[in-house]
Amino acid sequence: MQLSMKEYFKNLKDDRLLLRLFMASIILIITAFSYILFNYSKLPPLLPIFNQLPWGEKRLEETWGIFIPPLLVLLILFANIFISNFSYKKSPLISRMFAVTSFITSLLVLLFIVRTITLII
């Protein structure tokens, strides 16, 4: 038995908390991309993206590297949407935990982007 896309995402639409958290995550990611695009022309050729690495050139990435964190969070968001929708009937709590995880990671990436760009400009 094959489910259509409408039936597959029915659980997501019915649970307001899931829908709000995932929508908030999407808004935060769009905000991060917008902030990057707005300030992209002001950025230097190398940016400190990988702050957890030891001091030196390993921490630096070209300007386009500022898009890496939001893209990773976008992939995590889509994976969490599908996993939470798949596991919703078995355990709504786990699905909500995936939604909260997506929201928190989106918020932290937005803060990382704003802080990095603010320190550089």
Protein backbone atom coordinates (compact mmCIF):
# COMPACT_ATOMS: atom_id res chain seq x y z
CA MET A 1 0.00 0.00 0.00
CA GLN A 2 1.52 3.26 -1.14
CA LEU A 3 0.84 6.53 0.61
CA SER A 4 0.48 9.79 -1.24
CA MET A 5 2.46 12.79 -0.08
CA LYS A 6 -0.68 14.35 1.44
CA GLU A 7 -1.33 11.24 3.52
CA TYR A 8 2.33 10.95 4.46
CA PHE A 9 2.47 14.46 5.93
CA LYS A 10 -0.99 14.33 7.55
CA ASN A 11 0.51 13.72 11.01
CA LEU A 12 2.72 16.76 10.63
CA LYS A 13 -0.26 18.96 9.80
CA ASP A 14 -2.42 17.58 12.62
CA ASP A 15 0.12 18.14 15.41
CA ARG A 16 0.39 21.90 15.91
CA LEU A 17 3.57 21.69 17.97
CA LEU A 18 5.40 19.74 15.26
CA LEU A 19 4.19 22.09 12.57
CA ARG A 20 5.14 25.23 14.50
CA LEU A 21 8.59 23.96 15.45
CA PHE A 22 9.42 22.86 11.92
CA MET A 23 8.09 26.11 10.46
CA ALA A 24 10.12 28.11 12.98
CA SER A 25 13.20 26.11 11.97
CA ILE A 26 12.60 26.90 8.32
CA ILE A 27 12.17 30.60 9.14
CA LEU A 28 15.43 30.62 11.12
CA ILE A 29 17.30 28.96 8.24
CA ILE A 30 15.87 31.44 5.74
CA THR A 31 16.89 34.25 8.09
CA ALA A 32 20.44 32.88 8.24
CA PHE A 33 20.66 32.67 4.44
CA SER A 34 19.25 36.19 4.11
CA TYR A 35 21.73 37.58 6.63
CA ILE A 36 24.59 35.93 4.74
CA LEU A 37 23.42 37.22 1.36
CA PHE A 38 22.89 40.73 2.74
CA ASN A 39 26.46 40.88 4.09
CA TYR A 40 28.24 38.67 1.54
CA SER A 41 29.87 41.53 -0.37
CA LYS A 42 31.40 42.91 2.85
CA LEU A 43 33.06 39.63 3.85
CA PRO A 44 36.83 39.06 3.47
CA PRO A 45 38.21 36.27 1.25
CA LEU A 46 38.84 33.95 4.24
CA LEU A 47 36.51 33.34 7.18
CA PRO A 48 37.02 31.46 10.47
CA ILE A 49 34.33 28.80 10.02
CA PHE A 50 35.94 25.82 11.77
CA ASN A 51 36.54 27.33 15.20
CA GLN A 52 36.96 23.98 16.94
CA LEU A 53 40.22 23.29 15.06
CA PRO A 54 43.63 24.41 16.35
CA TRP A 55 44.78 27.94 15.60
CA GLY A 56 45.97 28.58 12.07
CA GLU A 57 44.94 28.20 8.46
CA LYS A 58 42.92 25.05 9.17
CA ARG A 59 40.24 27.19 10.78
CA LEU A 60 39.76 29.32 7.69
CA GLU A 61 37.53 28.73 4.71
CA GLU A 62 36.86 30.78 1.61
CA THR A 63 33.93 33.20 1.73
CA TRP A 64 31.50 30.70 0.20
CA GLY A 65 32.16 28.44 3.21
CA ILE A 66 29.82 30.57 5.30
CA PHE A 67 26.99 28.69 3.56
CA ILE A 68 28.13 25.31 4.94
CA PRO A 69 26.43 25.50 8.39
CA PRO A 70 22.98 26.57 7.09
CA LEU A 71 23.10 23.93 4.36
CA LEU A 72 23.94 21.23 6.90
CA VAL A 73 21.10 22.36 9.14
CA LEU A 74 18.75 22.32 6.16
CA LEU A 75 19.69 18.70 5.48
CA ILE A 76 19.21 17.84 9.15
CA LEU A 77 15.83 19.57 9.11
CA PHE A 78 14.56 17.58 6.13
CA ALA A 79 15.85 14.33 7.62
CA ASN A 80 14.16 15.13 10.94
CA ILE A 81 10.88 15.95 9.21
CA PHE A 82 10.81 12.60 7.45
CA ILE A 83 11.95 10.63 10.48
CA SER A 84 9.51 12.34 12.82
CA ASN A 85 6.64 11.82 10.42
CA PHE A 86 7.58 8.16 10.02
CA SER A 87 7.78 7.55 13.78
CA TYR A 88 4.80 9.71 14.80
CA LYS A 89 2.26 6.87 15.08
CA LYS A 90 4.60 4.79 17.22
CA SER A 91 5.77 7.59 19.49
CA PRO A 92 4.64 11.21 19.17
CA LEU A 93 7.14 12.20 21.87
CA ILE A 94 10.10 11.10 19.76
CA SER A 95 8.71 13.01 16.79
CA ARG A 96 8.46 16.13 18.93
CA MET A 97 12.01 15.62 20.12
CA PHE A 98 13.16 15.62 16.49
CA ALA A 99 11.25 18.87 15.94
CA VAL A 100 12.81 20.49 19.01
CA THR A 101 16.25 19.30 17.88
CA SER A 102 15.72 20.90 14.48
CA PHE A 103 14.61 24.15 16.07
CA ILE A 104 17.56 24.31 18.45
CA THR A 105 20.13 23.51 15.74
CA SER A 106 18.58 26.11 13.43
CA LEU A 107 18.69 28.72 16.19
CA LEU A 108 22.30 27.92 17.06
CA VAL A 109 23.40 28.12 13.42
CA LEU A 110 21.67 31.47 13.05
CA LEU A 111 23.49 32.73 16.16
CA PHE A 112 26.79 31.34 14.81
CA ILE A 113 26.30 33.09 11.47
CA VAL A 114 25.32 36.42 13.02
CA ARG A 115 28.19 36.30 15.51
CA THR A 116 30.77 35.30 12.91
CA ILE A 117 29.74 37.97 10.44
CA THR A 118 29.40 40.62 13.15
CA LEU A 119 32.91 39.93 14.44
CA ILE A 120 34.40 40.10 10.96
CA ILE A 121 32.66 43.19 9.60
